[in-house]
Amino acid sequence: MNQRTVHIPAIGCEGCLRAIKSALSGIEGVQSVQADLATKTVTVTWDERTTWEAIRACLVEINYPPQE
């Protein structure tokens, strides 16, 4: 199992959190997505069926690029 927490400056409301959770949850292999509006962070847990690169690409595609 892999886990990563990233800062996403574009998060501004609960709708942003829902959009991120929905998009990432649709990726095969993503086990959990926790998003926090106050800290503008997202923590993703995934297994061997996906990669961080695929998760990051999804975030960029939906206009929530992580700041790394």
N, C-alpha and C. Protein backbone atom coordinates (compact mmCIF):
# COMPACT_ATOMS: atom_id res chain seq x y z
N MET A 1 0.85 -1.18 0.00
CA MET A 1 0.00 0.00 0.00
C MET A 1 0.89 1.24 0.00
N ASN A 2 0.50 2.22 -0.78
CA ASN A 2 1.23 3.48 -0.86
C ASN A 2 0.33 4.60 -0.38
N GLN A 3 0.94 5.65 0.17
CA GLN A 3 0.17 6.81 0.62
C GLN A 3 0.97 8.07 0.39
N ARG A 4 0.25 9.11 0.00
CA ARG A 4 0.92 10.40 -0.21
C ARG A 4 -0.04 11.52 0.15
N THR A 5 0.50 12.54 0.80
CA THR A 5 -0.27 13.74 1.12
C THR A 5 0.34 14.90 0.35
N VAL A 6 -0.52 15.64 -0.35
CA VAL A 6 -0.04 16.76 -1.15
C VAL A 6 -0.87 18.01 -0.87
N HIS A 7 -0.25 19.16 -1.06
CA HIS A 7 -0.93 20.44 -0.93
C HIS A 7 -1.47 20.83 -2.30
N ILE A 8 -2.76 21.23 -2.32
CA ILE A 8 -3.39 21.63 -3.58
C ILE A 8 -3.96 23.04 -3.38
N PRO A 9 -3.22 24.06 -3.81
CA PRO A 9 -3.63 25.45 -3.57
C PRO A 9 -4.99 25.81 -4.18
N ALA A 10 -5.41 25.13 -5.23
CA ALA A 10 -6.66 25.46 -5.91
C ALA A 10 -7.91 25.06 -5.13
N ILE A 11 -7.76 24.30 -4.04
CA ILE A 11 -8.93 23.92 -3.25
C ILE A 11 -9.49 25.17 -2.57
N GLY A 12 -10.79 25.44 -2.82
CA GLY A 12 -11.38 26.63 -2.24
C GLY A 12 -12.73 26.42 -1.57
N CYS A 13 -13.33 25.24 -1.77
CA CYS A 13 -14.66 25.01 -1.21
C CYS A 13 -14.94 23.52 -1.09
N GLU A 14 -16.09 23.21 -0.49
CA GLU A 14 -16.49 21.81 -0.34
C GLU A 14 -16.70 21.15 -1.71
N GLY A 15 -17.15 21.92 -2.68
CA GLY A 15 -17.34 21.39 -4.03
C GLY A 15 -16.03 20.91 -4.63
N CYS A 16 -14.96 21.62 -4.34
CA CYS A 16 -13.63 21.20 -4.80
C CYS A 16 -13.28 19.84 -4.21
N LEU A 17 -13.54 19.70 -2.92
CA LEU A 17 -13.23 18.44 -2.24
C LEU A 17 -14.02 17.29 -2.86
N ARG A 18 -15.31 17.53 -3.12
CA ARG A 18 -16.14 16.49 -3.73
C ARG A 18 -15.63 16.11 -5.11
N ALA A 19 -15.23 17.10 -5.90
CA ALA A 19 -14.73 16.84 -7.25
C ALA A 19 -13.45 16.00 -7.20
N ILE A 20 -12.56 16.34 -6.30
CA ILE A 20 -11.30 15.60 -6.15
C ILE A 20 -11.57 14.17 -5.70
N LYS A 21 -12.39 14.03 -4.66
CA LYS A 21 -12.70 12.69 -4.15
C LYS A 21 -13.36 11.83 -5.22
N SER A 22 -14.28 12.41 -5.95
CA SER A 22 -14.99 11.66 -6.99
C SER A 22 -14.04 11.21 -8.10
N ALA A 23 -13.21 12.11 -8.56
CA ALA A 23 -12.28 11.79 -9.65
C ALA A 23 -11.26 10.73 -9.22
N LEU A 24 -10.66 10.91 -8.06
CA LEU A 24 -9.63 9.97 -7.62
C LEU A 24 -10.21 8.61 -7.25
N SER A 25 -11.41 8.60 -6.69
CA SER A 25 -12.04 7.34 -6.31
C SER A 25 -12.36 6.49 -7.54
N GLY A 26 -12.45 7.12 -8.69
CA GLY A 26 -12.73 6.40 -9.93
C GLY A 26 -11.52 5.69 -10.52
N ILE A 27 -10.35 5.91 -9.96
CA ILE A 27 -9.13 5.27 -10.45
C ILE A 27 -9.00 3.89 -9.80
N GLU A 28 -8.89 2.87 -10.63
CA GLU A 28 -8.73 1.52 -10.09
C GLU A 28 -7.45 1.45 -9.26
N GLY A 29 -7.57 0.94 -8.04
CA GLY A 29 -6.42 0.83 -7.16
C GLY A 29 -6.39 1.86 -6.05
N VAL A 30 -7.14 2.96 -6.22
CA VAL A 30 -7.19 3.97 -5.15
C VAL A 30 -8.07 3.42 -4.03
N GLN A 31 -7.50 3.32 -2.84
CA GLN A 31 -8.20 2.74 -1.69
C GLN A 31 -8.95 3.79 -0.88
N SER A 32 -8.34 4.97 -0.71
CA SER A 32 -9.01 6.03 0.05
C SER A 32 -8.49 7.40 -0.38
N VAL A 33 -9.38 8.38 -0.21
CA VAL A 33 -9.04 9.77 -0.51
C VAL A 33 -9.56 10.60 0.65
N GLN A 34 -8.67 11.33 1.30
CA GLN A 34 -9.05 12.22 2.38
C GLN A 34 -8.62 13.62 1.98
N ALA A 35 -9.58 14.54 2.00
CA ALA A 35 -9.29 15.91 1.60
C ALA A 35 -9.68 16.86 2.72
N ASP A 36 -8.85 17.89 2.93
CA ASP A 36 -9.07 18.83 4.02
C ASP A 36 -9.09 20.25 3.48
N LEU A 37 -10.22 20.92 3.64
CA LEU A 37 -10.37 22.28 3.13
C LEU A 37 -9.48 23.27 3.87
N ALA A 38 -9.38 23.13 5.19
CA ALA A 38 -8.61 24.09 6.00
C ALA A 38 -7.14 24.10 5.63
N THR A 39 -6.57 22.93 5.38
CA THR A 39 -5.14 22.85 5.06
C THR A 39 -4.87 22.74 3.56
N LYS A 40 -5.95 22.59 2.78
CA LYS A 40 -5.85 22.42 1.32
C LYS A 40 -4.94 21.25 0.97
N THR A 41 -5.12 20.15 1.71
CA THR A 41 -4.32 18.95 1.44
C THR A 41 -5.23 17.78 1.08
N VAL A 42 -4.64 16.86 0.34
CA VAL A 42 -5.32 15.63 -0.04
C VAL A 42 -4.36 14.48 0.26
N THR A 43 -4.88 13.46 0.94
CA THR A 43 -4.11 12.26 1.22
C THR A 43 -4.75 11.11 0.45
N VAL A 44 -3.93 10.45 -0.37
CA VAL A 44 -4.42 9.35 -1.21
C VAL A 44 -3.68 8.08 -0.82
N THR A 45 -4.44 7.00 -0.68
CA THR A 45 -3.87 5.68 -0.43
C THR A 45 -4.22 4.80 -1.62
N TRP A 46 -3.21 4.10 -2.17
CA TRP A 46 -3.45 3.27 -3.34
C TRP A 46 -2.62 2.00 -3.29
N ASP A 47 -3.02 1.03 -4.14
CA ASP A 47 -2.29 -0.24 -4.20
C ASP A 47 -1.55 -0.35 -5.54
N GLU A 48 -1.08 -1.55 -5.84
CA GLU A 48 -0.22 -1.76 -7.01
C GLU A 48 -0.95 -1.62 -8.35
N ARG A 49 -2.28 -1.48 -8.34
CA ARG A 49 -3.01 -1.34 -9.60
C ARG A 49 -2.90 0.04 -10.22
N THR A 50 -2.33 1.00 -9.49
CA THR A 50 -2.12 2.33 -10.05
C THR A 50 -0.80 2.90 -9.56
N THR A 51 -0.48 4.11 -9.98
CA THR A 51 0.78 4.75 -9.61
C THR A 51 0.50 6.20 -9.19
N TRP A 52 1.47 6.79 -8.50
CA TRP A 52 1.34 8.19 -8.15
C TRP A 52 1.24 9.03 -9.42
N GLU A 53 1.97 8.67 -10.45
CA GLU A 53 1.94 9.43 -11.70
C GLU A 53 0.54 9.49 -12.28
N ALA A 54 -0.19 8.37 -12.23
CA ALA A 54 -1.56 8.34 -12.74
C ALA A 54 -2.50 9.19 -11.88
N ILE A 55 -2.29 9.14 -10.57
CA ILE A 55 -3.11 9.93 -9.65
C ILE A 55 -2.84 11.42 -9.87
N ARG A 56 -1.57 11.78 -9.98
CA ARG A 56 -1.20 13.17 -10.21
C ARG A 56 -1.76 13.67 -11.54
N ALA A 57 -1.68 12.84 -12.58
CA ALA A 57 -2.21 13.22 -13.90
C ALA A 57 -3.71 13.49 -13.82
N CYS A 58 -4.42 12.70 -13.04
CA CYS A 58 -5.85 12.91 -12.85
C CYS A 58 -6.12 14.25 -12.19
N LEU A 59 -5.36 14.58 -11.16
CA LEU A 59 -5.52 15.87 -10.48
C LEU A 59 -5.25 17.03 -11.42
N VAL A 60 -4.22 16.92 -12.23
CA VAL A 60 -3.89 17.97 -13.19
C VAL A 60 -5.02 18.11 -14.21
N GLU A 61 -5.54 16.98 -14.67
CA GLU A 61 -6.61 16.98 -15.68
C GLU A 61 -7.87 17.68 -15.18
N ILE A 62 -8.18 17.55 -13.90
CA ILE A 62 -9.39 18.19 -13.36
C ILE A 62 -9.09 19.56 -12.76
N ASN A 63 -7.91 20.11 -13.08
CA ASN A 63 -7.50 21.46 -12.69
C ASN A 63 -7.23 21.64 -11.19
N TYR A 64 -6.74 20.58 -10.54
CA TYR A 64 -6.30 20.66 -9.15
C TYR A 64 -4.88 20.10 -9.05
N PRO A 65 -3.92 20.75 -9.73
CA PRO A 65 -2.55 20.22 -9.70
C PRO A 65 -1.94 20.30 -8.29
N PRO A 66 -1.31 19.22 -7.86
CA PRO A 66 -0.66 19.25 -6.54
C PRO A 66 0.61 20.07 -6.57
N GLN A 67 0.89 20.73 -5.46
CA GLN A 67 2.14 21.48 -5.31
C GLN A 67 3.13 20.54 -4.63
N GLU A 68 4.18 20.18 -5.35
CA GLU A 68 5.13 19.20 -4.80
C GLU A 68 6.49 19.82 -4.60
